[in-house]
Amino acid sequence: MSNLERVSRDGIAPEITRPDPGRVIDGDPVHTTWNIEDSDGLYCGLWQSTPGTWRISYAEWEYIYIHAGHSVLTDESGTQTHLKAGDSYIIRPGFVGTWTVIETTLKDYVIKG
């Protein structure tokens, strides 16, 4: 493996999942994940979700960059953060709330456990 790798979905078999049914609040969101790196507690790749709302609780750090779509993260106090193409955020451990996909969303992610 090279020390430099292009981030792309090309040639990577996607993993298709759904949130745990007990966490789903609305809709039937389908997640498609292209895992590019999974080693030593570091995970990165591309993730896409169709519309829906589910409960989230972060125990790890995640950096995200939104390529397309529109999602809303709502924290426990009700503060909403709209995520749209071109946005990048860090989600810190301890974030609890909901993730709502309004328009199918595609993001880069880097997770450090």
Protein backbone atom coordinates (compact mmCIF):
# COMPACT_ATOMS: atom_id res chain seq x y z
CA MET A 1 0.00 0.00 0.00
CA SER A 2 1.21 3.46 -0.85
CA ASN A 3 1.53 6.20 1.77
CA LEU A 4 -0.69 8.33 -0.47
CA GLU A 5 -4.16 7.22 -1.50
CA ARG A 6 -6.78 9.06 -3.52
CA VAL A 7 -10.19 9.24 -1.85
CA SER A 8 -12.67 7.82 -4.33
CA ARG A 9 -15.59 5.39 -4.46
CA ASP A 10 -14.10 3.80 -7.60
CA GLY A 11 -13.40 0.10 -7.16
CA ILE A 12 -14.70 -0.07 -3.58
CA ALA A 13 -17.68 -2.29 -2.84
CA PRO A 14 -20.14 -0.22 -0.80
CA GLU A 15 -21.67 -1.39 2.46
CA ILE A 16 -25.44 -0.83 2.59
CA THR A 17 -26.94 -0.41 6.08
CA ARG A 18 -29.79 1.25 7.94
CA PRO A 19 -29.78 2.83 11.40
CA ASP A 20 -30.90 0.57 14.23
CA PRO A 21 -34.74 0.56 14.05
CA GLY A 22 -34.92 1.69 17.69
CA ARG A 23 -33.09 4.91 16.76
CA VAL A 24 -35.19 5.80 13.69
CA ILE A 25 -37.65 8.64 14.27
CA ASP A 26 -38.87 9.22 10.71
CA GLY A 27 -38.55 7.62 7.29
CA ASP A 28 -36.46 4.66 6.18
CA PRO A 29 -32.94 6.06 5.72
CA VAL A 30 -30.52 3.87 3.76
CA HIS A 31 -26.80 4.38 4.34
CA THR A 32 -24.20 3.57 1.70
CA THR A 33 -20.62 3.58 2.96
CA TRP A 34 -17.41 3.29 0.97
CA ASN A 35 -14.77 2.49 3.62
CA ILE A 36 -11.33 3.51 2.41
CA GLU A 37 -9.34 3.14 5.65
CA ASP A 38 -10.03 1.00 8.71
CA SER A 39 -6.92 0.56 10.83
CA ASP A 40 -5.53 1.49 14.25
CA GLY A 41 -8.74 3.23 15.33
CA LEU A 42 -8.87 5.43 12.20
CA TYR A 43 -11.78 5.13 9.80
CA CYS A 44 -12.35 7.19 6.67
CA GLY A 45 -14.23 7.10 3.43
CA LEU A 46 -17.44 8.33 1.90
CA TRP A 47 -20.95 7.97 3.34
CA GLN A 48 -24.30 8.65 1.76
CA SER A 49 -27.77 8.58 3.26
CA THR A 50 -31.27 8.86 1.88
CA PRO A 51 -33.86 10.98 3.74
CA GLY A 52 -34.96 10.19 7.28
CA THR A 53 -34.29 11.09 10.93
CA TRP A 54 -32.55 9.01 13.61
CA ARG A 55 -31.04 9.48 17.05
CA ILE A 56 -27.23 9.82 17.27
CA SER A 57 -24.72 9.65 20.09
CA TYR A 58 -21.02 10.16 19.37
CA ALA A 59 -18.32 8.42 21.40
CA GLU A 60 -15.56 9.34 18.92
CA TRP A 61 -14.26 12.33 16.94
CA GLU A 62 -15.54 12.74 13.40
CA TYR A 63 -14.51 15.24 10.72
CA ILE A 64 -17.02 15.59 7.89
CA TYR A 65 -17.07 17.38 4.55
CA ILE A 66 -20.42 17.58 2.75
CA HIS A 67 -20.25 17.02 -1.02
CA ALA A 68 -23.97 17.09 -1.79
CA GLY A 69 -27.39 17.19 -0.22
CA HIS A 70 -28.88 18.77 2.87
CA SER A 71 -28.87 17.39 6.41
CA VAL A 72 -29.65 18.89 9.81
CA LEU A 73 -27.92 17.95 13.06
CA THR A 74 -29.97 18.84 16.13
CA ASP A 75 -28.34 18.70 19.56
CA GLU A 76 -30.07 17.84 22.84
CA SER A 77 -30.93 21.49 23.51
CA GLY A 78 -32.66 21.79 20.12
CA THR A 79 -29.95 23.80 18.35
CA GLN A 80 -30.01 22.97 14.64
CA THR A 81 -27.00 22.98 12.33
CA HIS A 82 -27.73 22.76 8.60
CA LEU A 83 -25.14 20.82 6.59
CA LYS A 84 -24.93 21.59 2.87
CA ALA A 85 -22.45 21.10 0.03
CA GLY A 86 -19.12 22.72 0.84
CA ASP A 87 -19.59 22.62 4.62
CA SER A 88 -17.10 20.91 6.92
CA TYR A 89 -17.50 20.22 10.64
CA ILE A 90 -15.94 18.37 13.53
CA ILE A 91 -18.34 16.36 15.69
CA ARG A 92 -16.80 15.80 19.11
CA PRO A 93 -17.34 12.87 21.48
CA GLY A 94 -20.40 13.43 23.63
CA PHE A 95 -22.58 14.97 20.88
CA VAL A 96 -26.11 13.61 21.36
CA GLY A 97 -29.10 14.50 19.25
CA THR A 98 -30.62 13.66 15.88
CA TRP A 99 -29.43 13.51 12.28
CA THR A 100 -32.06 14.43 9.69
CA VAL A 101 -31.37 13.95 6.00
CA ILE A 102 -33.62 16.29 4.05
CA GLU A 103 -31.98 15.69 0.64
CA THR A 104 -29.79 12.64 0.03
CA THR A 105 -26.44 13.60 1.54
CA LEU A 106 -22.92 12.52 0.54
CA LYS A 107 -20.03 13.24 2.89
CA ASP A 108 -16.36 12.46 3.43
CA TYR A 109 -15.71 11.25 6.95
CA VAL A 110 -12.67 10.73 9.12
CA ILE A 111 -13.33 9.06 12.48
CA LYS A 112 -10.80 8.69 15.25
CA GLY A 113 -11.95 6.45 18.09
